Amino acid sequence: MAPSFKDKTTMPRMNPSANTSFWRYRRHPKWSRILQLVMAVAFVICLIYGFKGLGAGTPKTEVLKNGAYDGSKIYTSKDFTNAYGISQEDLSMLVPAPQQIGKEKATLIMLVRNREINDALKSMRAMEDRFNRKFRYPWTFLNDEPFTQDFINYTTGMASGNTYYGLISKDQWSIPHHIDQDKVKASMETMVSKNVIYAGSMSYRHMCRYNSGFFYRHPLLANFQWYWRVEPGVEYFCDIDYDVFEYMRVHDKVYGFVMAMYEYLVTIETLWDSTKEFIRKNPQYLASDNSLDFFVDNHPPTKSGEKEITGNYNLCHFWSNFEIASLDFWRSQAYQDYFSYLDSEGGFFYERWGDAPIHSLAVGLFLPKTKIHHFGDIGYRHPPYARCPQDVESHQSGRCFCSRRDHFDDDGYSCLPRWWNVAGQSVGAGIKQLV
């Protein structure tokens, strides 16, 4: 008769030193089947949680496929290693970023090349010290070639938030099929003969076109609503103690800038005519109380019901190397249609259309000017120009470290006084006290 577990003299003990071992029962068919079932269930649970953990800990980006990226997939560690040349050991040494403090769906974005790593780190250091260490927003880096191991390691180490690295697709960084390349070559030679800046650079044209119509479409930005554009080699002079993205959302702003200036006419000779033609074909996109009076001297802002724009463009634009803006605006039908029309005209290559005047004309014409914000409290330098807040408090409190003589506001090339006038803002855009 089989022993009863209630019989203490025959009950198997769990003490491993005991003469009678529970594990001898595993040879019994019944116990063997139970143990096999338990092990199978445990294995399935481990698989489920293992894959969940892998997905949660792996950032999303494109996967290299025959030299091109497939934005519909999520890369694995192996894909990452193959694409960027960073080993599993190096990958494991990257310390996970602290939890984000800022509450907005926002990112700091930098279009940068591997050789610009020193300038990239300079900008990151300033941004982290002045702003981001308080909020830990993620960084998104975009490049037309895979990032190197050094670039990834150093920028990840500099960032207080997560870092994401994306490759630009070839069709967004190349000459479209409808462009006459002989015409482009002749135009570039003419501009070079006139000593136009970046006249002979095709990569600069690709950059302007990409920033005008593609950066906001990158899969890495799909879950973000706001961005702060950060250029390599820039400086930030003042502590920013509030969340700029939250400010934009709460105050119903769409586009924020620091400096405004004139564009080189020779680089955008047909841009204004193309813009006027687009508005004639799409008058529904023209906002009332827009910023037409900023772009055309002595012209009133558009009123409700008006269907076209007139006058001559005075070349004023917001300097787009500093932008804090809504990604949803660039994703809007109005802007998508505007960029597609401009792209079909070929001005990015036949001339040298920049993203700054294109962004400016779009937000200035498709939005009421109340949705455009001048960040008068931010000190910023992008060579060769800089802007330093002019109020006393920012300097006596130690919030800013810059010379109040080193600012672009009253430079003859600045359009900022014109903006303050048409926007109904006092000089300094909210700065409390002027010297």
Protein backbone atom coordinates (compact mmCIF):
# COMPACT_ATOMS: atom_id res chain seq x y z
CA MET A 1 0.00 0.00 0.00
CA ALA A 2 1.34 3.42 -0.94
CA PRO A 3 2.42 5.50 2.02
CA SER A 4 0.18 8.36 3.09
CA PHE A 5 1.68 11.85 3.32
CA LYS A 6 -0.10 12.10 6.66
CA ASP A 7 2.14 9.33 7.99
CA LYS A 8 5.06 11.30 9.41
CA THR A 9 7.26 8.23 9.45
CA THR A 10 7.01 7.77 5.66
CA MET A 11 6.34 11.34 4.44
CA PRO A 12 9.15 12.65 2.17
CA ARG A 13 11.06 15.52 3.74
CA MET A 14 12.34 18.57 1.92
CA ASN A 15 15.62 18.56 3.83
CA PRO A 16 18.20 17.61 1.19
CA SER A 17 20.30 15.78 3.76
CA ALA A 18 17.46 13.38 4.57
CA ASN A 19 17.73 9.77 3.42
CA THR A 20 14.27 9.89 1.81
CA SER A 21 14.24 12.45 -1.09
CA PHE A 22 11.22 14.01 -2.64
CA TRP A 23 13.01 14.02 -6.01
CA ARG A 24 12.79 10.26 -6.29
CA TYR A 25 9.07 10.80 -7.03
CA ARG A 26 9.95 12.58 -10.26
CA ARG A 27 10.52 9.14 -11.74
CA HIS A 28 6.88 8.32 -11.17
CA PRO A 29 4.87 8.79 -14.44
CA LYS A 30 2.31 11.04 -12.77
CA TRP A 31 4.91 13.38 -11.25
CA SER A 32 6.93 13.34 -14.45
CA ARG A 33 3.96 14.63 -16.45
CA ILE A 34 3.24 17.33 -13.85
CA LEU A 35 6.87 18.52 -13.84
CA GLN A 36 6.93 18.63 -17.65
CA LEU A 37 3.74 20.72 -17.69
CA VAL A 38 5.09 23.14 -15.07
CA MET A 39 8.36 23.57 -16.97
CA ALA A 40 6.48 24.17 -20.25
CA VAL A 41 4.27 26.85 -18.68
CA ALA A 42 7.30 28.55 -17.09
CA PHE A 43 9.13 28.52 -20.43
CA VAL A 44 6.19 30.20 -22.23
CA ILE A 45 5.92 32.88 -19.50
CA CYS A 46 9.64 33.62 -19.79
CA LEU A 47 9.33 33.97 -23.56
CA ILE A 48 6.40 36.39 -23.28
CA TYR A 49 8.05 38.64 -20.70
CA GLY A 50 11.40 38.36 -22.43
CA PHE A 51 10.01 39.72 -25.69
CA LYS A 52 8.06 42.45 -23.85
CA GLY A 53 11.21 43.55 -22.08
CA LEU A 54 13.17 43.56 -25.33
CA GLY A 55 10.56 45.71 -27.02
CA ALA A 56 10.29 48.14 -24.08
CA GLY A 57 14.03 48.64 -23.84
CA THR A 58 14.75 49.03 -27.55
CA PRO A 59 14.14 52.41 -29.19
CA LYS A 60 12.23 52.58 -32.46
CA THR A 61 13.88 53.59 -35.72
CA GLU A 62 14.31 52.28 -39.23
CA VAL A 63 16.09 49.07 -40.21
CA LEU A 64 18.82 48.97 -42.84
CA LYS A 65 17.63 46.93 -45.82
CA ASN A 66 19.84 46.71 -48.90
CA GLY A 67 21.33 50.09 -48.14
CA ALA A 68 17.98 51.76 -47.50
CA TYR A 69 15.91 52.11 -44.39
CA ASP A 70 12.57 50.40 -43.83
CA GLY A 71 10.64 52.70 -41.50
CA SER A 72 7.92 50.12 -40.84
CA LYS A 73 10.11 47.91 -38.67
CA ILE A 74 11.66 48.13 -35.22
CA TYR A 75 15.36 47.41 -35.09
CA THR A 76 16.86 44.67 -32.95
CA SER A 77 20.21 44.88 -31.21
CA LYS A 78 21.72 42.90 -34.09
CA ASP A 79 20.30 45.32 -36.67
CA PHE A 80 21.69 48.21 -34.63
CA THR A 81 25.14 46.61 -34.54
CA ASN A 82 25.12 45.93 -38.27
CA ALA A 83 23.94 49.45 -39.11
CA TYR A 84 26.16 51.46 -36.80
CA GLY A 85 29.12 49.19 -36.00
CA ILE A 86 28.60 49.35 -32.24
CA SER A 87 29.14 46.03 -30.46
CA GLN A 88 26.79 44.31 -28.03
CA GLU A 89 29.33 44.93 -25.27
CA ASP A 90 29.49 48.65 -26.03
CA LEU A 91 25.72 48.78 -26.25
CA SER A 92 25.33 47.19 -22.83
CA MET A 93 27.62 49.80 -21.28
CA LEU A 94 25.31 52.68 -22.22
CA VAL A 95 23.60 53.80 -19.03
CA PRO A 96 19.80 54.12 -19.38
CA ALA A 97 18.69 57.75 -19.29
CA PRO A 98 16.79 59.03 -16.26
CA GLN A 99 13.05 59.39 -16.55
CA GLN A 100 11.82 62.44 -18.49
CA ILE A 101 10.74 65.31 -16.26
CA GLY A 102 9.08 67.56 -18.86
CA LYS A 103 5.47 66.59 -19.52
CA GLU A 104 5.18 67.42 -23.22
CA LYS A 105 5.61 65.14 -26.22
CA ALA A 106 8.68 67.02 -27.36
CA THR A 107 12.22 66.44 -28.55
CA LEU A 108 15.41 68.39 -29.22
CA ILE A 109 16.35 67.73 -32.83
CA MET A 110 19.69 68.09 -34.59
CA LEU A 111 20.50 67.52 -38.27
CA VAL A 112 24.20 66.73 -38.08
CA ARG A 113 27.06 64.80 -39.64
CA ASN A 114 29.60 62.59 -37.92
CA ARG A 115 32.46 65.00 -38.61
CA GLU A 116 30.56 67.72 -36.71
CA ILE A 117 30.72 65.80 -33.43
CA ASN A 118 32.69 68.48 -31.58
CA ASP A 119 30.25 71.23 -32.56
CA ALA A 120 27.34 68.92 -31.75
CA LEU A 121 28.69 68.28 -28.24
CA LYS A 122 29.31 72.01 -27.74
CA SER A 123 25.66 72.76 -28.52
CA MET A 124 24.45 69.86 -26.37
CA ARG A 125 26.53 70.96 -23.39
CA ALA A 126 25.09 74.47 -23.55
CA MET A 127 21.53 73.20 -24.03
CA GLU A 128 21.80 70.70 -21.18
CA ASP A 129 23.32 73.26 -18.79
CA ARG A 130 20.88 76.05 -19.62
CA PHE A 131 17.66 74.10 -20.10
CA ASN A 132 17.41 70.38 -20.58
CA ARG A 133 18.97 69.05 -17.37
CA LYS A 134 15.84 70.38 -15.65
CA PHE A 135 13.44 68.57 -18.03
CA ARG A 136 15.38 65.67 -19.64
CA TYR A 137 13.67 65.84 -23.00
CA PRO A 138 15.00 63.33 -25.55
CA TRP A 139 17.42 64.16 -28.34
CA THR A 140 16.79 63.09 -31.94
CA PHE A 141 19.75 63.09 -34.32
CA LEU A 142 19.31 62.84 -38.09
CA ASN A 143 22.01 62.20 -40.67
CA ASP A 144 22.23 61.30 -44.36
CA GLU A 145 24.75 58.57 -43.46
CA PRO A 146 24.85 56.09 -40.53
CA PHE A 147 26.15 57.56 -37.28
CA THR A 148 29.50 56.32 -36.07
CA GLN A 149 30.06 54.49 -32.80
CA ASP A 150 31.93 57.48 -31.37
CA PHE A 151 29.11 59.88 -32.25
CA ILE A 152 26.52 57.65 -30.61
CA ASN A 153 28.56 57.03 -27.46
CA TYR A 154 29.58 60.64 -26.86
CA THR A 155 26.19 62.22 -27.56
CA THR A 156 24.42 59.59 -25.47
CA GLY A 157 26.79 60.39 -22.62
CA MET A 158 26.17 64.13 -22.96
CA ALA A 159 22.37 63.88 -23.02
CA SER A 160 20.26 63.94 -19.85
CA GLY A 161 17.37 62.26 -21.68
CA ASN A 162 17.03 59.46 -24.19
CA THR A 163 18.80 59.66 -27.53
CA TYR A 164 17.52 58.50 -30.94
CA TYR A 165 19.50 58.20 -34.17
CA GLY A 166 17.84 58.24 -37.58
CA LEU A 167 19.02 57.91 -41.16
CA ILE A 168 17.57 60.13 -43.88
CA SER A 169 16.17 58.22 -46.84
CA LYS A 170 17.98 58.71 -50.14
CA ASP A 171 14.95 60.06 -52.00
CA GLN A 172 14.75 62.91 -49.48
CA TRP A 173 18.44 63.79 -49.88
CA SER A 174 18.84 63.69 -53.65
CA ILE A 175 17.81 65.60 -56.77
CA PRO A 176 14.23 64.72 -57.80
CA HIS A 177 13.66 63.20 -61.24
CA HIS A 178 11.76 66.24 -62.54
CA ILE A 179 14.74 68.56 -62.06
CA ASP A 180 16.83 69.54 -65.10
CA GLN A 181 20.36 68.90 -63.84
CA ASP A 182 22.01 70.83 -66.67
CA LYS A 183 19.96 73.85 -65.66
CA VAL A 184 21.00 73.30 -62.04
CA LYS A 185 24.68 73.17 -62.99
CA ALA A 186 24.47 76.36 -65.02
CA SER A 187 22.61 78.15 -62.22
CA MET A 188 25.17 77.08 -59.63
CA GLU A 189 28.03 78.31 -61.80
CA THR A 190 26.35 81.69 -62.22
CA MET A 191 25.78 82.04 -58.47
CA VAL A 192 29.37 81.01 -57.72
CA SER A 193 30.58 83.75 -60.07
CA LYS A 194 28.56 86.23 -57.98
CA ASN A 195 30.14 84.94 -54.73
CA VAL A 196 26.78 83.87 -53.30
CA ILE A 197 27.25 81.99 -50.03
CA TYR A 198 26.87 78.18 -50.43
CA ALA A 199 26.27 78.74 -54.15
CA GLY A 200 28.39 75.75 -55.16
CA SER A 201 27.15 73.40 -52.44
CA MET A 202 24.69 70.68 -53.44
CA SER A 203 24.58 69.29 -49.89
CA TYR A 204 23.41 72.70 -48.63
CA ARG A 205 20.53 72.57 -51.11
CA HIS A 206 19.63 69.06 -49.93
CA MET A 207 19.67 70.31 -46.34
CA CYS A 208 17.36 73.25 -47.12
CA ARG A 209 14.94 70.99 -48.99
CA TYR A 210 15.01 68.38 -46.22
CA ASN A 211 14.37 70.93 -43.47
CA SER A 212 11.60 72.46 -45.56
CA GLY A 213 9.63 69.34 -46.37
CA PHE A 214 10.83 66.12 -44.80
CA PHE A 215 12.30 66.28 -41.30
CA TYR A 216 8.89 66.23 -39.62
CA ARG A 217 7.96 63.05 -41.53
CA HIS A 218 10.79 60.98 -40.08
CA PRO A 219 9.46 57.90 -38.20
CA LEU A 220 11.45 58.84 -35.10
CA LEU A 221 9.33 62.00 -34.76
CA ALA A 222 5.98 60.26 -35.22
CA ASN A 223 5.10 60.32 -31.51
CA PHE A 224 6.22 63.92 -30.86
CA GLN A 225 4.13 67.09 -31.09
CA TRP A 226 6.86 69.68 -30.42
CA TYR A 227 10.52 70.15 -31.28
CA TRP A 228 13.38 72.51 -30.56
CA ARG A 229 15.81 72.74 -33.45
CA VAL A 230 19.41 72.78 -32.27
CA GLU A 231 22.29 73.42 -34.68
CA PRO A 232 25.88 72.20 -34.19
CA GLY A 233 28.20 74.90 -32.85
CA VAL A 234 25.64 77.26 -31.29
CA GLU A 235 25.56 78.84 -27.82
CA TYR A 236 22.83 79.57 -25.29
CA PHE A 237 23.61 82.40 -22.87
CA CYS A 238 20.74 82.30 -20.37
CA ASP A 239 19.21 79.83 -17.93
CA ILE A 240 15.72 78.83 -19.05
CA ASP A 241 13.86 77.83 -15.91
CA TYR A 242 10.45 77.10 -17.44
CA ASP A 243 9.32 74.44 -19.89
CA VAL A 244 9.24 76.17 -23.27
CA PHE A 245 7.13 73.40 -24.81
CA GLU A 246 4.54 73.70 -22.08
CA TYR A 247 4.56 77.48 -22.57
CA MET A 248 3.83 77.05 -26.28
CA ARG A 249 0.95 74.67 -25.64
CA VAL A 250 -0.66 76.60 -22.77
CA HIS A 251 -0.46 79.94 -24.60
CA ASP A 252 -1.70 78.48 -27.90
CA LYS A 253 1.50 79.25 -29.81
CA VAL A 254 2.65 77.36 -32.87
CA TYR A 255 6.03 78.83 -33.84
CA GLY A 256 8.77 80.42 -31.73
CA PHE A 257 11.94 82.26 -32.86
CA VAL A 258 14.75 84.45 -31.50
CA MET A 259 16.17 86.43 -34.44
CA ALA A 260 14.72 87.74 -37.70
CA MET A 261 16.64 89.06 -40.70
CA TYR A 262 16.69 89.66 -44.44
CA GLU A 263 17.32 86.89 -46.96
CA TYR A 264 19.66 87.18 -49.98
CA LEU A 265 17.44 88.06 -52.92
CA VAL A 266 19.61 86.18 -55.42
CA THR A 267 18.86 82.90 -53.61
CA ILE A 268 15.06 83.22 -53.72
CA GLU A 269 14.29 85.35 -56.76
CA THR A 270 11.10 83.43 -57.68
CA LEU A 271 9.98 82.22 -54.24
CA TRP A 272 7.56 85.10 -53.64
CA ASP A 273 5.93 84.73 -57.07
CA SER A 274 5.54 81.00 -56.45
CA THR A 275 4.00 81.69 -53.05
CA LYS A 276 1.53 84.21 -54.47
CA GLU A 277 0.54 81.73 -57.17
CA PHE A 278 0.03 79.00 -54.58
CA ILE A 279 -2.27 81.27 -52.55
CA ARG A 280 -4.27 82.15 -55.68
CA LYS A 281 -4.85 78.45 -56.24
CA ASN A 282 -5.46 77.70 -52.55
CA PRO A 283 -7.03 80.80 -50.94
CA GLN A 284 -8.59 78.68 -48.18
CA TYR A 285 -5.18 78.45 -46.51
CA LEU A 286 -4.74 82.21 -46.11
CA ALA A 287 -5.40 83.17 -42.48
CA SER A 288 -7.02 86.41 -41.43
CA ASP A 289 -4.85 88.69 -39.27
CA ASN A 290 -1.80 87.01 -40.74
CA SER A 291 1.71 88.50 -40.95
CA LEU A 292 1.57 89.84 -44.48
CA ASP A 293 2.41 93.28 -43.07
CA PHE A 294 5.70 91.80 -41.79
CA PHE A 295 6.64 90.52 -45.26
CA VAL A 296 5.37 93.44 -47.37
CA ASP A 297 6.14 97.03 -46.44
CA ASN A 298 3.12 99.23 -45.69
CA HIS A 299 0.69 96.41 -46.35
CA PRO A 300 -2.19 95.69 -43.96
CA PRO A 301 -2.66 92.12 -42.70
CA THR A 302 -5.08 89.95 -44.63
CA LYS A 303 -8.71 90.24 -43.63
CA SER A 304 -11.27 87.47 -43.59
CA GLY A 305 -12.49 86.62 -47.08
CA GLU A 306 -9.47 87.89 -48.99
CA LYS A 307 -8.14 85.36 -51.47
CA GLU A 308 -4.72 86.54 -52.59
CA ILE A 309 -1.62 88.37 -51.49
CA THR A 310 -0.07 91.35 -53.24
CA GLY A 311 2.96 93.60 -52.97
CA ASN A 312 6.70 92.94 -53.08
CA TYR A 313 8.44 90.72 -50.55
CA ASN A 314 10.84 92.69 -48.35
CA LEU A 315 12.91 89.50 -47.68
CA CYS A 316 12.26 89.44 -43.89
CA HIS A 317 12.15 86.00 -42.31
CA PHE A 318 12.57 84.23 -38.96
CA TRP A 319 16.05 82.73 -38.67
CA SER A 320 15.16 79.05 -38.58
CA ASN A 321 18.37 77.65 -37.08
CA PHE A 322 16.52 78.38 -33.83
CA GLU A 323 12.96 77.05 -33.86
CA ILE A 324 10.63 75.90 -31.11
CA ALA A 325 7.55 74.82 -32.96
CA SER A 326 4.64 72.47 -33.45
CA LEU A 327 5.28 69.43 -35.61
CA ASP A 328 1.55 69.25 -36.27
CA PHE A 329 1.72 72.51 -38.24
CA TRP A 330 4.23 71.06 -40.72
CA ARG A 331 2.08 67.93 -40.94
CA SER A 332 -1.01 70.00 -41.79
CA GLN A 333 -2.60 69.80 -45.24
CA ALA A 334 -1.89 73.47 -45.85
CA TYR A 335 1.85 73.14 -45.34
CA GLN A 336 2.14 69.78 -47.08
CA ASP A 337 0.44 71.24 -50.15
CA TYR A 338 2.62 74.36 -50.00
CA PHE A 339 5.85 72.38 -49.87
CA SER A 340 4.75 70.02 -52.65
CA TYR A 341 3.98 73.00 -54.87
CA LEU A 342 7.33 74.67 -54.15
CA ASP A 343 9.18 71.39 -54.67
CA SER A 344 7.57 71.00 -58.08
CA GLU A 345 8.83 74.48 -59.03
CA GLY A 346 12.46 73.37 -58.53
CA GLY A 347 13.67 76.47 -56.71
CA PHE A 348 15.63 74.47 -54.15
CA PHE A 349 18.06 73.57 -56.95
CA TYR A 350 17.59 76.14 -59.73
CA GLU A 351 18.07 78.90 -57.14
CA ARG A 352 18.97 78.16 -53.52
CA TRP A 353 15.71 78.41 -51.61
CA GLY A 354 16.32 78.22 -47.87
CA ASP A 355 14.06 76.62 -45.29
CA ALA A 356 14.06 79.85 -43.24
CA PRO A 357 12.03 82.00 -45.68
CA ILE A 358 9.80 79.02 -46.56
CA HIS A 359 9.02 78.26 -42.90
CA SER A 360 8.49 81.96 -42.25
CA LEU A 361 6.13 82.55 -45.17
CA ALA A 362 4.14 79.46 -44.22
CA VAL A 363 3.59 80.32 -40.55
CA GLY A 364 3.20 84.01 -41.41
CA LEU A 365 0.48 83.46 -44.02
CA PHE A 366 -1.32 80.34 -42.78
CA LEU A 367 -1.52 81.41 -39.12
CA PRO A 368 -2.71 84.53 -37.29
CA LYS A 369 0.29 86.38 -35.92
CA THR A 370 -0.88 85.75 -32.32
CA LYS A 371 0.32 82.15 -32.73
CA ILE A 372 3.91 83.26 -33.42
CA HIS A 373 6.10 83.92 -30.38
CA HIS A 374 9.37 85.81 -30.02
CA PHE A 375 11.50 84.34 -27.21
CA GLY A 376 12.94 87.63 -26.01
CA ASP A 377 14.31 86.03 -22.82
CA ILE A 378 16.58 83.55 -24.60
CA GLY A 379 20.20 84.50 -25.32
CA TYR A 380 21.53 82.75 -28.40
CA ARG A 381 24.45 82.77 -30.83
CA HIS A 382 24.64 81.21 -34.26
CA PRO A 383 27.76 82.56 -35.98
CA PRO A 384 28.05 85.26 -37.15
CA TYR A 385 25.12 86.73 -35.18
CA ALA A 386 24.06 86.71 -31.54
CA ARG A 387 21.26 88.05 -29.39
CA CYS A 388 21.61 88.96 -25.72
CA PRO A 389 18.55 89.94 -23.61
CA GLN A 390 18.66 93.65 -22.80
CA ASP A 391 16.92 93.77 -19.40
CA VAL A 392 18.91 94.44 -16.23
CA GLU A 393 17.38 91.65 -14.15
CA SER A 394 18.55 88.85 -16.47
CA HIS A 395 22.13 89.96 -15.93
CA GLN A 396 22.16 91.08 -12.29
CA SER A 397 20.46 87.81 -11.27
CA GLY A 398 23.13 85.79 -13.05
CA ARG A 399 20.57 84.15 -15.32
CA CYS A 400 22.42 85.37 -18.43
CA PHE A 401 26.08 85.64 -19.23
CA CYS A 402 26.57 87.70 -22.39
CA SER A 403 27.37 91.24 -23.40
CA ARG A 404 24.31 93.40 -23.92
CA ARG A 405 26.27 95.10 -26.69
CA ASP A 406 26.50 91.78 -28.51
CA HIS A 407 23.01 91.55 -29.90
CA PHE A 408 21.39 91.64 -33.29
CA ASP A 409 18.19 93.55 -32.49
CA ASP A 410 19.28 96.97 -33.74
CA ASP A 411 21.60 95.74 -36.51
CA GLY A 412 20.73 97.19 -39.90
CA TYR A 413 20.22 93.64 -41.17
CA SER A 414 17.71 92.76 -38.44
CA CYS A 415 13.96 92.53 -39.07
CA LEU A 416 13.10 92.17 -35.39
CA PRO A 417 12.02 95.80 -34.81
CA ARG A 418 9.64 95.39 -37.75
CA TRP A 419 8.15 92.28 -36.11
CA TRP A 420 7.66 94.05 -32.78
CA ASN A 421 5.83 96.82 -34.61
CA VAL A 422 3.42 94.66 -36.64
CA ALA A 423 2.85 92.22 -33.76
CA GLY A 424 2.01 95.05 -31.37
CA GLN A 425 4.77 94.07 -28.96
CA SER A 426 7.03 96.33 -26.99
CA VAL A 427 10.70 96.34 -27.82
CA GLY A 428 12.24 93.23 -26.32
CA ALA A 429 9.04 91.16 -26.60
CA GLY A 430 8.16 91.01 -22.94
CA ILE A 431 11.53 91.96 -21.44
CA LYS A 432 10.80 93.93 -18.29
CA GLN A 433 13.37 96.70 -18.38
CA LEU A 434 15.57 98.12 -21.10
CA VAL A 435 18.88 99.90 -20.68
